[in-house]
Amino acid sequence: MKILLAIILVGLMAMVLYSLIKGIVAFLKTTKIDLESGNSETVTEMQLLQNKAMFARIKYQALAIVVVAILLAMGGGRG
């Protein structure tokens, strides 16, 4: 059971990293578009993408915390 939870935890950590990178890329594109053109319609789309990526990151972080809490409740490092 602990091995399965550890695998799930690693997967969630990878998803957190993916969502973080996706959000940062959207942020950089938003900044670049805003500086070059000032087109607020495109900026709004990129901001929505950025928000979606950051909410996904928060969701995966919360799930990872739950998995860590379960592992700690099962005895953590003892075993």
PDB file of N, CA and C in Angstrom:
ATOM      1  N   MET A   1       0.826  -1.194   0.000  1.00  0.00           N
ATOM      2  CA  MET A   1       0.000   0.000   0.000  1.00  0.00           C
ATOM      3  C   MET A   1       0.876   1.265   0.000  1.00  0.00           C
ATOM      4  N   LYS A   2       1.949   1.230   0.818  1.00  0.00           N
ATOM      5  CA  LYS A   2       2.831   2.392   0.889  1.00  0.00           C
ATOM      6  C   LYS A   2       3.511   2.645  -0.456  1.00  0.00           C
ATOM      7  N   ILE A   3       3.872   1.583  -1.147  1.00  0.00           N
ATOM      8  CA  ILE A   3       4.525   1.741  -2.451  1.00  0.00           C
ATOM      9  C   ILE A   3       3.563   2.376  -3.444  1.00  0.00           C
ATOM     10  N   LEU A   4       2.322   1.939  -3.442  1.00  0.00           N
ATOM     11  CA  LEU A   4       1.315   2.509  -4.337  1.00  0.00           C
ATOM     12  C   LEU A   4       1.116   3.994  -4.045  1.00  0.00           C
ATOM     13  N   LEU A   5       1.026   4.345  -2.764  1.00  0.00           N
ATOM     14  CA  LEU A   5       0.857   5.750  -2.394  1.00  0.00           C
ATOM     15  C   LEU A   5       2.085   6.573  -2.777  1.00  0.00           C
ATOM     16  N   ALA A   6       3.273   5.987  -2.654  1.00  0.00           N
ATOM     17  CA  ALA A   6       4.489   6.700  -3.053  1.00  0.00           C
ATOM     18  C   ALA A   6       4.495   6.953  -4.557  1.00  0.00           C
ATOM     19  N   ILE A   7       4.057   5.987  -5.327  1.00  0.00           N
ATOM     20  CA  ILE A   7       3.969   6.157  -6.788  1.00  0.00           C
ATOM     21  C   ILE A   7       2.954   7.243  -7.138  1.00  0.00           C
ATOM     22  N   ILE A   8       1.818   7.217  -6.458  1.00  0.00           N
ATOM     23  CA  ILE A   8       0.795   8.246  -6.682  1.00  0.00           C
ATOM     24  C   ILE A   8       1.351   9.620  -6.321  1.00  0.00           C
ATOM     25  N   LEU A   9       2.104   9.688  -5.217  1.00  0.00           N
ATOM     26  CA  LEU A   9       2.688  10.951  -4.783  1.00  0.00           C
ATOM     27  C   LEU A   9       3.663  11.495  -5.824  1.00  0.00           C
ATOM     28  N   VAL A  10       4.491  10.639  -6.375  1.00  0.00           N
ATOM     29  CA  VAL A  10       5.441  11.074  -7.412  1.00  0.00           C
ATOM     30  C   VAL A  10       4.682  11.571  -8.643  1.00  0.00           C
ATOM     31  N   GLY A  11       3.607  10.870  -9.020  1.00  0.00           N
ATOM     32  CA  GLY A  11       2.790  11.315 -10.152  1.00  0.00           C
ATOM     33  C   GLY A  11       2.159  12.680  -9.902  1.00  0.00           C
ATOM     34  N   LEU A  12       1.652  12.881  -8.701  1.00  0.00           N
ATOM     35  CA  LEU A  12       1.054  14.178  -8.359  1.00  0.00           C
ATOM     36  C   LEU A  12       2.100  15.287  -8.355  1.00  0.00           C
ATOM     37  N   MET A  13       3.293  14.968  -7.879  1.00  0.00           N
ATOM     38  CA  MET A  13       4.363  15.963  -7.889  1.00  0.00           C
ATOM     39  C   MET A  13       4.729  16.337  -9.326  1.00  0.00           C
ATOM     40  N   ALA A  14       4.716  15.360 -10.218  1.00  0.00           N
ATOM     41  CA  ALA A  14       4.992  15.642 -11.628  1.00  0.00           C
ATOM     42  C   ALA A  14       3.897  16.530 -12.222  1.00  0.00           C
ATOM     43  N   MET A  15       2.650  16.283 -11.856  1.00  0.00           N
ATOM     44  CA  MET A  15       1.548  17.103 -12.358  1.00  0.00           C
ATOM     45  C   MET A  15       1.638  18.537 -11.811  1.00  0.00           C
ATOM     46  N   VAL A  16       2.075  18.681 -10.558  1.00  0.00           N
ATOM     47  CA  VAL A  16       2.279  20.016  -9.992  1.00  0.00           C
ATOM     48  C   VAL A  16       3.332  20.763 -10.807  1.00  0.00           C
ATOM     49  N   LEU A  17       4.430  20.093 -11.093  1.00  0.00           N
ATOM     50  CA  LEU A  17       5.500  20.715 -11.865  1.00  0.00           C
ATOM     51  C   LEU A  17       5.015  21.086 -13.264  1.00  0.00           C
ATOM     52  N   TYR A  18       4.276  20.189 -13.920  1.00  0.00           N
ATOM     53  CA  TYR A  18       3.741  20.460 -15.264  1.00  0.00           C
ATOM     54  C   TYR A  18       2.808  21.672 -15.236  1.00  0.00           C
ATOM     55  N   SER A  19       1.913  21.723 -14.266  1.00  0.00           N
ATOM     56  CA  SER A  19       0.967  22.841 -14.168  1.00  0.00           C
ATOM     57  C   SER A  19       1.691  24.148 -13.877  1.00  0.00           C
ATOM     58  N   LEU A  20       2.723  24.075 -13.040  1.00  0.00           N
ATOM     59  CA  LEU A  20       3.492  25.276 -12.727  1.00  0.00           C
ATOM     60  C   LEU A  20       4.191  25.811 -13.974  1.00  0.00           C
ATOM     61  N   ILE A  21       4.820  24.936 -14.724  1.00  0.00           N
ATOM     62  CA  ILE A  21       5.513  25.360 -15.942  1.00  0.00           C
ATOM     63  C   ILE A  21       4.521  25.915 -16.962  1.00  0.00           C
ATOM     64  N   LYS A  22       3.380  25.253 -17.102  1.00  0.00           N
ATOM     65  CA  LYS A  22       2.350  25.720 -18.035  1.00  0.00           C
ATOM     66  C   LYS A  22       1.856  27.116 -17.646  1.00  0.00           C
ATOM     67  N   GLY A  23       1.670  27.352 -16.360  1.00  0.00           N
ATOM     68  CA  GLY A  23       1.229  28.663 -15.884  1.00  0.00           C
ATOM     69  C   GLY A  23       2.283  29.741 -16.092  1.00  0.00           C
ATOM     70  N   ILE A  24       3.542  29.384 -15.862  1.00  0.00           N
ATOM     71  CA  ILE A  24       4.624  30.353 -16.063  1.00  0.00           C
ATOM     72  C   ILE A  24       4.749  30.714 -17.534  1.00  0.00           C
ATOM     73  N   VAL A  25       4.640  29.720 -18.416  1.00  0.00           N
ATOM     74  CA  VAL A  25       4.707  29.997 -19.857  1.00  0.00           C
ATOM     75  C   VAL A  25       3.561  30.921 -20.269  1.00  0.00           C
ATOM     76  N   ALA A  26       2.356  30.661 -19.768  1.00  0.00           N
ATOM     77  CA  ALA A  26       1.213  31.527 -20.081  1.00  0.00           C
ATOM     78  C   ALA A  26       1.450  32.938 -19.554  1.00  0.00           C
ATOM     79  N   PHE A  27       2.036  33.047 -18.370  1.00  0.00           N
ATOM     80  CA  PHE A  27       2.340  34.363 -17.803  1.00  0.00           C
ATOM     81  C   PHE A  27       3.345  35.110 -18.675  1.00  0.00           C
ATOM     82  N   LEU A  28       4.384  34.420 -19.106  1.00  0.00           N
ATOM     83  CA  LEU A  28       5.395  35.063 -19.953  1.00  0.00           C
ATOM     84  C   LEU A  28       4.809  35.503 -21.292  1.00  0.00           C
ATOM     85  N   LYS A  29       3.937  34.671 -21.867  1.00  0.00           N
ATOM     86  CA  LYS A  29       3.289  35.048 -23.132  1.00  0.00           C
ATOM     87  C   LYS A  29       2.388  36.259 -22.925  1.00  0.00           C
ATOM     88  N   THR A  30       1.667  36.277 -21.808  1.00  0.00           N
ATOM     89  CA  THR A  30       0.789  37.407 -21.506  1.00  0.00           C
ATOM     90  C   THR A  30       1.599  38.689 -21.415  1.00  0.00           C
ATOM     91  N   THR A  31       2.711  38.629 -20.707  1.00  0.00           N
ATOM     92  CA  THR A  31       3.564  39.803 -20.556  1.00  0.00           C
ATOM     93  C   THR A  31       4.115  40.261 -21.903  1.00  0.00           C
ATOM     94  N   LYS A  32       4.553  39.309 -22.717  1.00  0.00           N
ATOM     95  CA  LYS A  32       5.111  39.645 -24.023  1.00  0.00           C
ATOM     96  C   LYS A  32       4.052  40.277 -24.924  1.00  0.00           C
ATOM     97  N   ILE A  33       2.860  39.687 -24.970  1.00  0.00           N
ATOM     98  CA  ILE A  33       1.781  40.217 -25.808  1.00  0.00           C
ATOM     99  C   ILE A  33       1.379  41.612 -25.329  1.00  0.00           C
ATOM    100  N   ASP A  34       1.296  41.767 -24.009  1.00  0.00           N
ATOM    101  CA  ASP A  34       0.902  43.057 -23.442  1.00  0.00           C
ATOM    102  C   ASP A  34       1.923  44.143 -23.777  1.00  0.00           C
ATOM    103  N   LEU A  35       3.194  43.796 -23.704  1.00  0.00           N
ATOM    104  CA  LEU A  35       4.237  44.785 -23.993  1.00  0.00           C
ATOM    105  C   LEU A  35       4.300  45.129 -25.479  1.00  0.00           C
ATOM    106  N   GLU A  36       4.097  44.132 -26.339  1.00  0.00           N
ATOM    107  CA  GLU A  36       4.250  44.364 -27.773  1.00  0.00           C
ATOM    108  C   GLU A  36       3.036  45.018 -28.410  1.00  0.00           C
ATOM    109  N   SER A  37       1.840  44.555 -28.045  1.00  0.00           N
ATOM    110  CA  SER A  37       0.677  45.025 -28.783  1.00  0.00           C
ATOM    111  C   SER A  37      -0.334  45.791 -27.938  1.00  0.00           C
ATOM    112  N   GLY A  38      -0.457  45.424 -26.684  1.00  0.00           N
ATOM    113  CA  GLY A  38      -1.484  46.047 -25.857  1.00  0.00           C
ATOM    114  C   GLY A  38      -2.878  45.545 -26.182  1.00  0.00           C
ATOM    115  N   ASN A  39      -2.966  44.435 -26.924  1.00  0.00           N
ATOM    116  CA  ASN A  39      -4.257  43.857 -27.301  1.00  0.00           C
ATOM    117  C   ASN A  39      -4.856  43.146 -26.094  1.00  0.00           C
ATOM    118  N   SER A  40      -5.848  43.745 -25.484  1.00  0.00           N
ATOM    119  CA  SER A  40      -6.390  43.202 -24.237  1.00  0.00           C
ATOM    120  C   SER A  40      -7.181  41.912 -24.451  1.00  0.00           C
ATOM    121  N   GLU A  41      -7.717  41.685 -25.646  1.00  0.00           N
ATOM    122  CA  GLU A  41      -8.482  40.457 -25.891  1.00  0.00           C
ATOM    123  C   GLU A  41      -7.581  39.229 -25.804  1.00  0.00           C
ATOM    124  N   THR A  42      -6.424  39.282 -26.430  1.00  0.00           N
ATOM    125  CA  THR A  42      -5.476  38.170 -26.375  1.00  0.00           C
ATOM    126  C   THR A  42      -4.925  38.012 -24.970  1.00  0.00           C
ATOM    127  N   VAL A  43      -4.672  39.113 -24.302  1.00  0.00           N
ATOM    128  CA  VAL A  43      -4.157  39.071 -22.943  1.00  0.00           C
ATOM    129  C   VAL A  43      -5.160  38.371 -22.034  1.00  0.00           C
ATOM    130  N   THR A  44      -6.440  38.660 -22.189  1.00  0.00           N
ATOM    131  CA  THR A  44      -7.468  38.031 -21.365  1.00  0.00           C
ATOM    132  C   THR A  44      -7.492  36.524 -21.572  1.00  0.00           C
ATOM    133  N   GLU A  45      -7.362  36.064 -22.807  1.00  0.00           N
ATOM    134  CA  GLU A  45      -7.325  34.625 -23.074  1.00  0.00           C
ATOM    135  C   GLU A  45      -6.135  33.985 -22.383  1.00  0.00           C
ATOM    136  N   MET A  46      -4.991  34.632 -22.459  1.00  0.00           N
ATOM    137  CA  MET A  46      -3.798  34.086 -21.831  1.00  0.00           C
ATOM    138  C   MET A  46      -3.918  34.107 -20.306  1.00  0.00           C
ATOM    139  N   GLN A  47      -4.576  35.127 -19.770  1.00  0.00           N
ATOM    140  CA  GLN A  47      -4.782  35.187 -18.324  1.00  0.00           C
ATOM    141  C   GLN A  47      -5.705  34.063 -17.866  1.00  0.00           C
ATOM    142  N   LEU A  48      -6.712  33.733 -18.666  1.00  0.00           N
ATOM    143  CA  LEU A  48      -7.591  32.612 -18.335  1.00  0.00           C
ATOM    144  C   LEU A  48      -6.819  31.295 -18.345  1.00  0.00           C
ATOM    145  N   LEU A  49      -5.952  31.120 -19.336  1.00  0.00           N
ATOM    146  CA  LEU A  49      -5.110  29.926 -19.394  1.00  0.00           C
ATOM    147  C   LEU A  49      -4.186  29.858 -18.183  1.00  0.00           C
ATOM    148  N   GLN A  50      -3.643  30.992 -17.820  1.00  0.00           N
ATOM    149  CA  GLN A  50      -2.753  31.074 -16.647  1.00  0.00           C
ATOM    150  C   GLN A  50      -3.518  30.703 -15.380  1.00  0.00           C
ATOM    151  N   ASN A  51      -4.727  31.226 -15.222  1.00  0.00           N
ATOM    152  CA  ASN A  51      -5.540  30.919 -14.041  1.00  0.00           C
ATOM    153  C   ASN A  51      -5.888  29.438 -13.973  1.00  0.00           C
ATOM    154  N   LYS A  52      -6.241  28.844 -15.121  1.00  0.00           N
ATOM    155  CA  LYS A  52      -6.574  27.423 -15.147  1.00  0.00           C
ATOM    156  C   LYS A  52      -5.373  26.578 -14.727  1.00  0.00           C
ATOM    157  N   ALA A  53      -4.196  26.937 -15.215  1.00  0.00           N
ATOM    158  CA  ALA A  53      -2.988  26.188 -14.873  1.00  0.00           C
ATOM    159  C   ALA A  53      -2.670  26.318 -13.381  1.00  0.00           C
ATOM    160  N   MET A  54      -2.840  27.487 -12.827  1.00  0.00           N
ATOM    161  CA  MET A  54      -2.531  27.680 -11.415  1.00  0.00           C
ATOM    162  C   MET A  54      -3.554  26.983 -10.512  1.00  0.00           C
ATOM    163  N   PHE A  55      -4.822  26.970 -10.910  1.00  0.00           N
ATOM    164  CA  PHE A  55      -5.807  26.232 -10.126  1.00  0.00           C
ATOM    165  C   PHE A  55      -5.538  24.731 -10.191  1.00  0.00           C
ATOM    166  N   ALA A  56      -5.099  24.244 -11.349  1.00  0.00           N
ATOM    167  CA  ALA A  56      -4.731  22.826 -11.468  1.00  0.00           C
ATOM    168  C   ALA A  56      -3.552  22.521 -10.544  1.00  0.00           C
ATOM    169  N   ARG A  57      -2.579  23.424 -10.495  1.00  0.00           N
ATOM    170  CA  ARG A  57      -1.424  23.229  -9.617  1.00  0.00           C
ATOM    171  C   ARG A  57      -1.857  23.136  -8.163  1.00  0.00           C
ATOM    172  N   ILE A  58      -2.747  24.006  -7.758  1.00  0.00           N
ATOM    173  CA  ILE A  58      -3.236  23.999  -6.373  1.00  0.00           C
ATOM    174  C   ILE A  58      -3.966  22.691  -6.078  1.00  0.00           C
ATOM    175  N   LYS A  59      -4.765  22.222  -7.034  1.00  0.00           N
ATOM    176  CA  LYS A  59      -5.501  20.965  -6.856  1.00  0.00           C
ATOM    177  C   LYS A  59      -4.534  19.800  -6.667  1.00  0.00           C
ATOM    178  N   TYR A  60      -3.502  19.716  -7.511  1.00  0.00           N
ATOM    179  CA  TYR A  60      -2.544  18.616  -7.407  1.00  0.00           C
ATOM    180  C   TYR A  60      -1.721  18.716  -6.131  1.00  0.00           C
ATOM    181  N   GLN A  61      -1.405  19.925  -5.703  1.00  0.00           N
ATOM    182  CA  GLN A  61      -0.684  20.083  -4.443  1.00  0.00           C
ATOM    183  C   GLN A  61      -1.531  19.608  -3.267  1.00  0.00           C
ATOM    184  N   ALA A  62      -2.808  19.936  -3.284  1.00  0.00           N
ATOM    185  CA  ALA A  62      -3.702  19.499  -2.206  1.00  0.00           C
ATOM    186  C   ALA A  62      -3.795  17.977  -2.167  1.00  0.00           C
ATOM    187  N   LEU A  63      -3.919  17.349  -3.326  1.00  0.00           N
ATOM    188  CA  LEU A  63      -3.971  15.893  -3.374  1.00  0.00           C
ATOM    189  C   LEU A  63      -2.660  15.274  -2.884  1.00  0.00           C
ATOM    190  N   ALA A  64      -1.535  15.888  -3.231  1.00  0.00           N
ATOM    191  CA  ALA A  64      -0.244  15.387  -2.762  1.00  0.00           C
ATOM    192  C   ALA A  64      -0.146  15.494  -1.240  1.00  0.00           C
ATOM    193  N   ILE A  65      -0.657  16.555  -0.678  1.00  0.00           N
ATOM    194  CA  ILE A  65      -0.649  16.715   0.781  1.00  0.00           C
ATOM    195  C   ILE A  65      -1.498  15.640   1.439  1.00  0.00           C
ATOM    196  N   VAL A  66      -2.634  15.323   0.840  1.00  0.00           N
ATOM    197  CA  VAL A  66      -3.491  14.258   1.373  1.00  0.00           C
ATOM    198  C   VAL A  66      -2.739  12.924   1.357  1.00  0.00           C
ATOM    199  N   VAL A  67      -2.037  12.634   0.267  1.00  0.00           N
ATOM    200  CA  VAL A  67      -1.286  11.382   0.177  1.00  0.00           C
ATOM    201  C   VAL A  67      -0.182  11.349   1.233  1.00  0.00           C
ATOM    202  N   VAL A  68       0.515  12.458   1.429  1.00  0.00           N
ATOM    203  CA  VAL A  68       1.561  12.512   2.458  1.00  0.00           C
ATOM    204  C   VAL A  68       0.946  12.308   3.841  1.00  0.00           C
ATOM    205  N   ALA A  69      -0.204  12.908   4.092  1.00  0.00           N
ATOM    206  CA  ALA A  69      -0.877  12.735   5.384  1.00  0.00           C
ATOM    207  C   ALA A  69      -1.248  11.272   5.604  1.00  0.00           C
ATOM    208  N   ILE A  70      -1.717  10.604   4.571  1.00  0.00           N
ATOM    209  CA  ILE A  70      -2.059   9.175   4.681  1.00  0.00           C
ATOM    210  C   ILE A  70      -0.807   8.356   4.976  1.00  0.00           C
ATOM    211  N   LEU A  71       0.282   8.665   4.253  1.00  0.00           N
ATOM    212  CA  LEU A  71       1.534   7.944   4.504  1.00  0.00           C
ATOM    213  C   LEU A  71       2.023   8.153   5.933  1.00  0.00           C
ATOM    214  N   LEU A  72       1.927   9.384   6.426  1.00  0.00           N
ATOM    215  CA  LEU A  72       2.346   9.655   7.794  1.00  0.00           C
ATOM    216  C   LEU A  72       1.435   8.941   8.805  1.00  0.00           C
ATOM    217  N   ALA A  73       0.146   8.887   8.506  1.00  0.00           N
ATOM    218  CA  ALA A  73      -0.785   8.206   9.400  1.00  0.00           C
ATOM    219  C   ALA A  73      -0.526   6.693   9.435  1.00  0.00           C
ATOM    220  N   MET A  74       0.016   6.166   8.331  1.00  0.00           N
ATOM    221  CA  MET A  74       0.305   4.724   8.262  1.00  0.00           C
ATOM    222  C   MET A  74       1.621   4.367   8.960  1.00  0.00           C
ATOM    223  N   GLY A  75       2.340   5.349   9.430  1.00  0.00           N
ATOM    224  CA  GLY A  75       3.571   5.041  10.133  1.00  0.00           C
ATOM    225  C   GLY A  75       4.787   5.673   9.525  1.00  0.00           C
ATOM    226  N   GLY A  76       4.610   6.372   8.412  1.00  0.00           N
ATOM    227  CA  GLY A  76       5.695   7.129   7.794  1.00  0.00           C
ATOM    228  C   GLY A  76       6.957   6.342   7.524  1.00  0.00           C
ATOM    229  N   GLY A  77       8.045   6.726   8.169  1.00  0.00           N
ATOM    230  CA  GLY A  77       9.354   6.152   7.890  1.00  0.00           C
ATOM    231  C   GLY A  77       9.625   4.857   8.653  1.00  0.00           C
ATOM    232  N   ARG A  78       8.776   4.504   9.603  1.00  0.00           N
ATOM    233  CA  ARG A  78       8.999   3.270  10.359  1.00  0.00           C
ATOM    234  C   ARG A  78       8.546   2.077   9.551  1.00  0.00           C
ATOM    235  N   GLY A  79       9.344   1.082   9.560  1.00  0.00           N
ATOM    236  CA  GLY A  79       8.808  -0.068   8.882  1.00  0.00           C
ATOM    237  C   GLY A  79       9.810  -0.957   8.351  1.00  0.00           C
TER     238      GLY A  79
END
